[in-house]
Amino acid sequence: YKLDLSHEKEINDFCSVIKSKYKKIDVLINNAAKAM
């Protein structure tokens, strides 16, 4: 899934899709990061 983590609405929409489609997540890896 395309996801811009700097936008809360995109995060909310993405998580709604995940909960609806997959029901259960066994492992979550918060890996994405940004440096400037």
All heavy atoms as atom14 arrays in JSON, in Angstrom:
{
  "sequence": "YKLDLSHEKEINDFCSVIKSKYKKIDVLINNAAKAM",
  "atom14_mask": [
    [1, 1, 1, 1, 1, 1, 1, 1, 1, 1, 1, 1, 0, 0],
    [1, 1, 1, 1, 1, 1, 1, 1, 1, 0, 0, 0, 0, 0],
    [1, 1, 1, 1, 1, 1, 1, 1, 0, 0, 0, 0, 0, 0],
    [1, 1, 1, 1, 1, 1, 1, 1, 0, 0, 0, 0, 0, 0],
    [1, 1, 1, 1, 1, 1, 1, 1, 0, 0, 0, 0, 0, 0],
    [1, 1, 1, 1, 1, 1, 0, 0, 0, 0, 0, 0, 0, 0],
    [1, 1, 1, 1, 1, 1, 1, 1, 1, 1, 0, 0, 0, 0],
    [1, 1, 1, 1, 1, 1, 1, 1, 1, 0, 0, 0, 0, 0],
    [1, 1, 1, 1, 1, 1, 1, 1, 1, 0, 0, 0, 0, 0],
    [1, 1, 1, 1, 1, 1, 1, 1, 1, 0, 0, 0, 0, 0],
    [1, 1, 1, 1, 1, 1, 1, 1, 0, 0, 0, 0, 0, 0],
    [1, 1, 1, 1, 1, 1, 1, 1, 0, 0, 0, 0, 0, 0],
    [1, 1, 1, 1, 1, 1, 1, 1, 0, 0, 0, 0, 0, 0],
    [1, 1, 1, 1, 1, 1, 1, 1, 1, 1, 1, 0, 0, 0],
    [1, 1, 1, 1, 1, 1, 0, 0, 0, 0, 0, 0, 0, 0],
    [1, 1, 1, 1, 1, 1, 0, 0, 0, 0, 0, 0, 0, 0],
    [1, 1, 1, 1, 1, 1, 1, 0, 0, 0, 0, 0, 0, 0],
    [1, 1, 1, 1, 1, 1, 1, 1, 0, 0, 0, 0, 0, 0],
    [1, 1, 1, 1, 1, 1, 1, 1, 1, 0, 0, 0, 0, 0],
    [1, 1, 1, 1, 1, 1, 0, 0, 0, 0, 0, 0, 0, 0],
    [1, 1, 1, 1, 1, 1, 1, 1, 1, 0, 0, 0, 0, 0],
    [1, 1, 1, 1, 1, 1, 1, 1, 1, 1, 1, 1, 0, 0],
    [1, 1, 1, 1, 1, 1, 1, 1, 1, 0, 0, 0, 0, 0],
    [1, 1, 1, 1, 1, 1, 1, 1, 1, 0, 0, 0, 0, 0],
    [1, 1, 1, 1, 1, 1, 1, 1, 0, 0, 0, 0, 0, 0],
    [1, 1, 1, 1, 1, 1, 1, 1, 0, 0, 0, 0, 0, 0],
    [1, 1, 1, 1, 1, 1, 1, 0, 0, 0, 0, 0, 0, 0],
    [1, 1, 1, 1, 1, 1, 1, 1, 0, 0, 0, 0, 0, 0],
    [1, 1, 1, 1, 1, 1, 1, 1, 0, 0, 0, 0, 0, 0],
    [1, 1, 1, 1, 1, 1, 1, 1, 0, 0, 0, 0, 0, 0],
    [1, 1, 1, 1, 1, 1, 1, 1, 0, 0, 0, 0, 0, 0],
    [1, 1, 1, 1, 1, 0, 0, 0, 0, 0, 0, 0, 0, 0],
    [1, 1, 1, 1, 1, 0, 0, 0, 0, 0, 0, 0, 0, 0],
    [1, 1, 1, 1, 1, 1, 1, 1, 1, 0, 0, 0, 0, 0],
    [1, 1, 1, 1, 1, 0, 0, 0, 0, 0, 0, 0, 0, 0],
    [1, 1, 1, 1, 1, 1, 1, 1, 0, 0, 0, 0, 0, 0]
  ],
  "atom14_positions": [
    [[0.84, -1.19, 0.0], [0.0, 0.0, 0.0], [0.88, 1.24, 0.0], [1.89, 1.3, 0.72], [-0.89, 0.04, 1.25], [-1.85, -1.12, 1.34], [-1.45, -2.33, 1.9], [-3.16, -1.0, 0.85], [-2.33, -3.4, 1.98], [-4.04, -2.06, 0.93], [-3.62, -3.26, 1.49], [-4.48, -4.32, 1.57], [0.0, 0.0, 0.0], [0.0, 0.0, 0.0]],
    [[0.47, 2.24, -0.79], [1.16, 3.53, -0.74], [0.7, 4.27, 0.51], [-0.5, 4.36, 0.78], [0.86, 4.37, -1.98], [1.68, 5.65, -2.05], [1.36, 6.46, -3.29], [2.31, 7.65, -3.44], [2.44, 8.47, -2.22], [0.0, 0.0, 0.0], [0.0, 0.0, 0.0], [0.0, 0.0, 0.0], [0.0, 0.0, 0.0], [0.0, 0.0, 0.0]],
    [[1.65, 4.79, 1.27], [1.31, 5.44, 2.53], [2.31, 6.54, 2.85], [3.51, 6.29, 3.0], [1.31, 4.41, 3.67], [1.02, 4.92, 5.07], [-0.37, 5.55, 5.15], [1.17, 3.8, 6.09], [0.0, 0.0, 0.0], [0.0, 0.0, 0.0], [0.0, 0.0, 0.0], [0.0, 0.0, 0.0], [0.0, 0.0, 0.0], [0.0, 0.0, 0.0]],
    [[1.81, 7.76, 2.94], [2.62, 8.89, 3.37], [2.39, 9.07, 4.86], [1.33, 9.53, 5.3], [2.21, 10.16, 2.61], [3.1, 11.35, 2.95], [3.79, 11.3, 3.99], [3.1, 12.33, 2.18], [0.0, 0.0, 0.0], [0.0, 0.0, 0.0], [0.0, 0.0, 0.0], [0.0, 0.0, 0.0], [0.0, 0.0, 0.0], [0.0, 0.0, 0.0]],
    [[3.39, 8.71, 5.66], [3.24, 8.69, 7.11], [3.24, 10.07, 7.75], [3.1, 10.19, 8.97], [4.34, 7.82, 7.72], [4.15, 6.32, 7.49], [5.44, 5.58, 7.76], [3.02, 5.77, 8.34], [0.0, 0.0, 0.0], [0.0, 0.0, 0.0], [0.0, 0.0, 0.0], [0.0, 0.0, 0.0], [0.0, 0.0, 0.0], [0.0, 0.0, 0.0]],
    [[3.39, 11.1, 6.94], [3.32, 12.45, 7.49], [1.9, 12.99, 7.49], [1.65, 14.11, 7.97], [4.24, 13.41, 6.72], [3.8, 13.56, 5.37], [0.0, 0.0, 0.0], [0.0, 0.0, 0.0], [0.0, 0.0, 0.0], [0.0, 0.0, 0.0], [0.0, 0.0, 0.0], [0.0, 0.0, 0.0], [0.0, 0.0, 0.0], [0.0, 0.0, 0.0]],
    [[0.94, 12.18, 6.99], [-0.45, 12.63, 6.9], [-1.34, 11.71, 7.73], [-1.48, 10.51, 7.43], [-0.93, 12.64, 5.45], [-0.24, 13.69, 4.62], [-0.5, 15.03, 4.76], [0.71, 13.59, 3.66], [0.25, 15.72, 3.91], [0.99, 14.87, 3.24], [0.0, 0.0, 0.0], [0.0, 0.0, 0.0], [0.0, 0.0, 0.0], [0.0, 0.0, 0.0]],
    [[-1.96, 12.25, 8.75], [-2.78, 11.45, 9.66], [-3.95, 10.79, 8.93], [-4.3, 9.64, 9.21], [-3.29, 12.3, 10.82], [-4.09, 11.5, 11.84], [-4.54, 12.33, 13.02], [-4.33, 13.56, 13.01], [-5.12, 11.74, 13.96], [0.0, 0.0, 0.0], [0.0, 0.0, 0.0], [0.0, 0.0, 0.0], [0.0, 0.0, 0.0], [0.0, 0.0, 0.0]],
    [[-4.57, 11.5, 7.99], [-5.72, 10.92, 7.29], [-5.31, 9.68, 6.52], [-6.04, 8.68, 6.5], [-6.36, 11.95, 6.34], [-7.62, 11.41, 5.67], [-8.25, 12.41, 4.73], [-9.57, 11.89, 4.17], [-9.47, 10.58, 3.51], [0.0, 0.0, 0.0], [0.0, 0.0, 0.0], [0.0, 0.0, 0.0], [0.0, 0.0, 0.0], [0.0, 0.0, 0.0]],
    [[-4.16, 9.72, 5.88], [-3.68, 8.53, 5.15], [-3.46, 7.37, 6.11], [-3.77, 6.22, 5.8], [-2.41, 8.84, 4.37], [-2.64, 9.67, 3.12], [-1.49, 9.59, 2.14], [-0.77, 8.56, 2.12], [-1.31, 10.55, 1.37], [0.0, 0.0, 0.0], [0.0, 0.0, 0.0], [0.0, 0.0, 0.0], [0.0, 0.0, 0.0], [0.0, 0.0, 0.0]],
    [[-2.91, 7.66, 7.28], [-2.7, 6.61, 8.28], [-4.03, 6.04, 8.73], [-4.2, 4.81, 8.81], [-1.91, 7.17, 9.48], [-0.49, 7.55, 9.06], [-1.87, 6.15, 10.62], [0.3, 8.27, 10.12], [0.0, 0.0, 0.0], [0.0, 0.0, 0.0], [0.0, 0.0, 0.0], [0.0, 0.0, 0.0], [0.0, 0.0, 0.0], [0.0, 0.0, 0.0]],
    [[-5.0, 6.91, 9.01], [-6.32, 6.45, 9.45], [-6.99, 5.58, 8.39], [-7.54, 4.51, 8.7], [-7.22, 7.65, 9.77], [-6.8, 8.38, 11.02], [-6.09, 7.83, 11.86], [-7.22, 9.63, 11.15], [0.0, 0.0, 0.0], [0.0, 0.0, 0.0], [0.0, 0.0, 0.0], [0.0, 0.0, 0.0], [0.0, 0.0, 0.0], [0.0, 0.0, 0.0]],
    [[-6.94, 6.04, 7.14], [-7.57, 5.27, 6.05], [-6.88, 3.93, 5.87], [-7.53, 2.9, 5.68], [-7.51, 6.08, 4.75], [-8.41, 7.31, 4.78], [-9.26, 7.41, 5.68], [-8.24, 8.18, 3.89], [0.0, 0.0, 0.0], [0.0, 0.0, 0.0], [0.0, 0.0, 0.0], [0.0, 0.0, 0.0], [0.0, 0.0, 0.0], [0.0, 0.0, 0.0]],
    [[-5.55, 3.94, 5.92], [-4.78, 2.71, 5.76], [-5.13, 1.72, 6.87], [-5.38, 0.53, 6.6], [-3.29, 3.04, 5.79], [-2.39, 1.85, 5.93], [-2.19, 0.98, 4.87], [-1.73, 1.6, 7.12], [-1.36, -0.12, 4.99], [-0.89, 0.5, 7.26], [-0.71, -0.36, 6.19], [0.0, 0.0, 0.0], [0.0, 0.0, 0.0], [0.0, 0.0, 0.0]],
    [[-5.15, 2.18, 8.11], [-5.42, 1.28, 9.23], [-6.84, 0.73, 9.17], [-7.09, -0.43, 9.55], [-5.17, 1.99, 10.55], [-3.41, 2.33, 10.87], [0.0, 0.0, 0.0], [0.0, 0.0, 0.0], [0.0, 0.0, 0.0], [0.0, 0.0, 0.0], [0.0, 0.0, 0.0], [0.0, 0.0, 0.0], [0.0, 0.0, 0.0], [0.0, 0.0, 0.0]],
    [[-7.77, 1.52, 8.68], [-9.15, 1.03, 8.52], [-9.2, -0.1, 7.51], [-9.89, -1.12, 7.71], [-10.07, 2.17, 8.07], [-10.18, 3.15, 9.08], [0.0, 0.0, 0.0], [0.0, 0.0, 0.0], [0.0, 0.0, 0.0], [0.0, 0.0, 0.0], [0.0, 0.0, 0.0], [0.0, 0.0, 0.0], [0.0, 0.0, 0.0], [0.0, 0.0, 0.0]],
    [[-8.47, 0.04, 6.42], [-8.4, -1.02, 5.41], [-7.77, -2.28, 6.0], [-8.27, -3.4, 5.79], [-7.59, -0.55, 4.18], [-7.28, -1.72, 3.25], [-8.34, 0.54, 3.43], [0.0, 0.0, 0.0], [0.0, 0.0, 0.0], [0.0, 0.0, 0.0], [0.0, 0.0, 0.0], [0.0, 0.0, 0.0], [0.0, 0.0, 0.0], [0.0, 0.0, 0.0]],
    [[-6.69, -2.11, 6.74], [-6.0, -3.26, 7.33], [-6.92, -4.02, 8.28], [-7.03, -5.25, 8.22], [-4.72, -2.8, 8.07], [-3.71, -2.21, 7.09], [-4.1, -3.97, 8.84], [-3.28, -3.11, 5.98], [0.0, 0.0, 0.0], [0.0, 0.0, 0.0], [0.0, 0.0, 0.0], [0.0, 0.0, 0.0], [0.0, 0.0, 0.0], [0.0, 0.0, 0.0]],
    [[-7.61, -3.31, 9.15], [-8.49, -3.97, 10.13], [-9.66, -4.67, 9.44], [-10.08, -5.74, 9.87], [-9.01, -2.94, 11.13], [-7.95, -2.5, 12.13], [-8.53, -1.66, 13.26], [-8.91, -0.29, 12.81], [-9.3, 0.58, 13.96], [0.0, 0.0, 0.0], [0.0, 0.0, 0.0], [0.0, 0.0, 0.0], [0.0, 0.0, 0.0], [0.0, 0.0, 0.0]],
    [[-10.15, -4.08, 8.37], [-11.27, -4.68, 7.65], [-10.87, -5.9, 6.84], [-11.57, -6.92, 6.83], [-11.89, -3.63, 6.73], [-12.89, -4.19, 5.92], [0.0, 0.0, 0.0], [0.0, 0.0, 0.0], [0.0, 0.0, 0.0], [0.0, 0.0, 0.0], [0.0, 0.0, 0.0], [0.0, 0.0, 0.0], [0.0, 0.0, 0.0], [0.0, 0.0, 0.0]],
    [[-9.71, -5.82, 6.19], [-9.31, -6.87, 5.27], [-8.61, -8.05, 5.94], [-8.81, -9.21, 5.55], [-8.4, -6.28, 4.18], [-7.99, -7.28, 3.12], [-7.23, -6.61, 1.99], [-6.81, -7.63, 0.93], [-6.08, -7.0, -0.21], [0.0, 0.0, 0.0], [0.0, 0.0, 0.0], [0.0, 0.0, 0.0], [0.0, 0.0, 0.0], [0.0, 0.0, 0.0]],
    [[-7.8, -7.76, 6.96], [-6.93, -8.82, 7.5], [-7.35, -9.33, 8.87], [-6.88, -10.38, 9.3], [-5.48, -8.32, 7.56], [-4.95, -7.92, 6.21], [-5.02, -6.6, 5.79], [-4.44, -8.88, 5.33], [-4.55, -6.22, 4.53], [-3.98, -8.51, 4.08], [-4.03, -7.18, 3.69], [-3.57, -6.81, 2.45], [0.0, 0.0, 0.0], [0.0, 0.0, 0.0]],
    [[-8.19, -8.62, 9.57], [-8.75, -9.06, 10.86], [-7.7, -9.13, 11.97], [-7.94, -8.66, 13.07], [-9.45, -10.42, 10.72], [-10.47, -10.49, 9.6], [-11.54, -9.42, 9.73], [-12.57, -9.53, 8.6], [-13.54, -8.42, 8.65], [0.0, 0.0, 0.0], [0.0, 0.0, 0.0], [0.0, 0.0, 0.0], [0.0, 0.0, 0.0], [0.0, 0.0, 0.0]],
    [[-6.55, -9.76, 11.71], [-5.53, -9.89, 12.75], [-4.13, -9.66, 12.17], [-3.79, -10.17, 11.11], [-5.58, -11.29, 13.39], [-4.5, -11.51, 14.46], [-4.69, -12.81, 15.18], [-3.52, -13.14, 16.1], [-3.22, -12.09, 17.1], [0.0, 0.0, 0.0], [0.0, 0.0, 0.0], [0.0, 0.0, 0.0], [0.0, 0.0, 0.0], [0.0, 0.0, 0.0]],
    [[-3.34, -8.85, 12.9], [-1.94, -8.62, 12.57], [-1.11, -9.24, 13.69], [-1.29, -8.92, 14.86], [-1.62, -7.12, 12.45], [-2.49, -6.46, 11.37], [-0.14, -6.91, 12.15], [-2.29, -7.01, 9.98], [0.0, 0.0, 0.0], [0.0, 0.0, 0.0], [0.0, 0.0, 0.0], [0.0, 0.0, 0.0], [0.0, 0.0, 0.0], [0.0, 0.0, 0.0]],
    [[-0.22, -10.14, 13.33], [0.61, -10.83, 14.33], [1.87, -10.05, 14.67], [2.34, -10.09, 15.81], [0.97, -12.22, 13.82], [-0.25, -13.08, 13.58], [-0.84, -13.55, 14.56], [-0.64, -13.23, 12.41], [0.0, 0.0, 0.0], [0.0, 0.0, 0.0], [0.0, 0.0, 0.0], [0.0, 0.0, 0.0], [0.0, 0.0, 0.0], [0.0, 0.0, 0.0]],
    [[2.42, -9.37, 13.67], [3.66, -8.61, 13.86], [3.54, -7.27, 13.16], [3.11, -7.21, 12.01], [4.88, -9.39, 13.29], [6.14, -8.53, 13.37], [5.08, -10.7, 14.03], [0.0, 0.0, 0.0], [0.0, 0.0, 0.0], [0.0, 0.0, 0.0], [0.0, 0.0, 0.0], [0.0, 0.0, 0.0], [0.0, 0.0, 0.0], [0.0, 0.0, 0.0]],
    [[3.93, -6.2, 13.87], [3.98, -4.86, 13.29], [5.39, -4.33, 13.44], [5.93, -4.26, 14.55], [2.99, -3.93, 14.01], [3.13, -2.43, 13.72], [2.88, -2.14, 12.24], [2.19, -1.62, 14.61], [0.0, 0.0, 0.0], [0.0, 0.0, 0.0], [0.0, 0.0, 0.0], [0.0, 0.0, 0.0], [0.0, 0.0, 0.0], [0.0, 0.0, 0.0]],
    [[6.0, -3.95, 12.31], [7.34, -3.37, 12.31], [7.24, -1.92, 11.86], [6.97, -1.64, 10.69], [8.3, -4.13, 11.37], [8.2, -5.65, 11.57], [9.73, -3.62, 11.56], [8.72, -6.14, 12.9], [0.0, 0.0, 0.0], [0.0, 0.0, 0.0], [0.0, 0.0, 0.0], [0.0, 0.0, 0.0], [0.0, 0.0, 0.0], [0.0, 0.0, 0.0]],
    [[7.46, -0.99, 12.77], [7.51, 0.43, 12.42], [8.94, 0.75, 11.99], [9.81, 1.06, 12.82], [7.09, 1.29, 13.62], [5.6, 1.27, 13.85], [4.82, 1.56, 12.94], [5.19, 0.91, 15.05], [0.0, 0.0, 0.0], [0.0, 0.0, 0.0], [0.0, 0.0, 0.0], [0.0, 0.0, 0.0], [0.0, 0.0, 0.0], [0.0, 0.0, 0.0]],
    [[9.16, 0.67, 10.7], [10.51, 0.82, 10.15], [10.71, 2.12, 9.38], [11.8, 2.69, 9.39], [10.81, -0.37, 9.23], [12.01, -0.11, 8.34], [13.15, -0.13, 8.8], [11.77, 0.15, 7.07], [0.0, 0.0, 0.0], [0.0, 0.0, 0.0], [0.0, 0.0, 0.0], [0.0, 0.0, 0.0], [0.0, 0.0, 0.0], [0.0, 0.0, 0.0]],
    [[9.7, 2.6, 8.7], [9.84, 3.79, 7.85], [10.38, 4.97, 8.64], [9.97, 5.21, 9.78], [8.5, 4.15, 7.22], [0.0, 0.0, 0.0], [0.0, 0.0, 0.0], [0.0, 0.0, 0.0], [0.0, 0.0, 0.0], [0.0, 0.0, 0.0], [0.0, 0.0, 0.0], [0.0, 0.0, 0.0], [0.0, 0.0, 0.0], [0.0, 0.0, 0.0]],
    [[11.3, 5.71, 8.03], [11.89, 6.85, 8.72], [12.33, 7.9, 7.72], [12.48, 7.63, 6.53], [13.08, 6.4, 9.56], [0.0, 0.0, 0.0], [0.0, 0.0, 0.0], [0.0, 0.0, 0.0], [0.0, 0.0, 0.0], [0.0, 0.0, 0.0], [0.0, 0.0, 0.0], [0.0, 0.0, 0.0], [0.0, 0.0, 0.0], [0.0, 0.0, 0.0]],
    [[12.55, 9.1, 8.24], [12.96, 10.21, 7.4], [14.07, 10.99, 8.1], [14.04, 11.17, 9.32], [11.77, 11.14, 7.13], [12.07, 12.26, 6.15], [10.78, 12.89, 5.66], [11.05, 13.79, 4.46], [9.82, 14.23, 3.82], [0.0, 0.0, 0.0], [0.0, 0.0, 0.0], [0.0, 0.0, 0.0], [0.0, 0.0, 0.0], [0.0, 0.0, 0.0]],
    [[15.05, 11.45, 7.32], [16.12, 12.31, 7.84], [16.28, 13.5, 6.91], [16.21, 13.35, 5.69], [17.43, 11.53, 7.94], [0.0, 0.0, 0.0], [0.0, 0.0, 0.0], [0.0, 0.0, 0.0], [0.0, 0.0, 0.0], [0.0, 0.0, 0.0], [0.0, 0.0, 0.0], [0.0, 0.0, 0.0], [0.0, 0.0, 0.0], [0.0, 0.0, 0.0]],
    [[16.48, 14.66, 7.49], [16.69, 15.89, 6.7], [17.84, 16.67, 7.34], [17.67, 17.75, 7.89], [15.4, 16.72, 6.66], [14.21, 15.97, 6.08], [12.67, 16.93, 6.07], [12.97, 18.04, 4.71], [0.0, 0.0, 0.0], [0.0, 0.0, 0.0], [0.0, 0.0, 0.0], [0.0, 0.0, 0.0], [0.0, 0.0, 0.0], [0.0, 0.0, 0.0]]
  ]
}
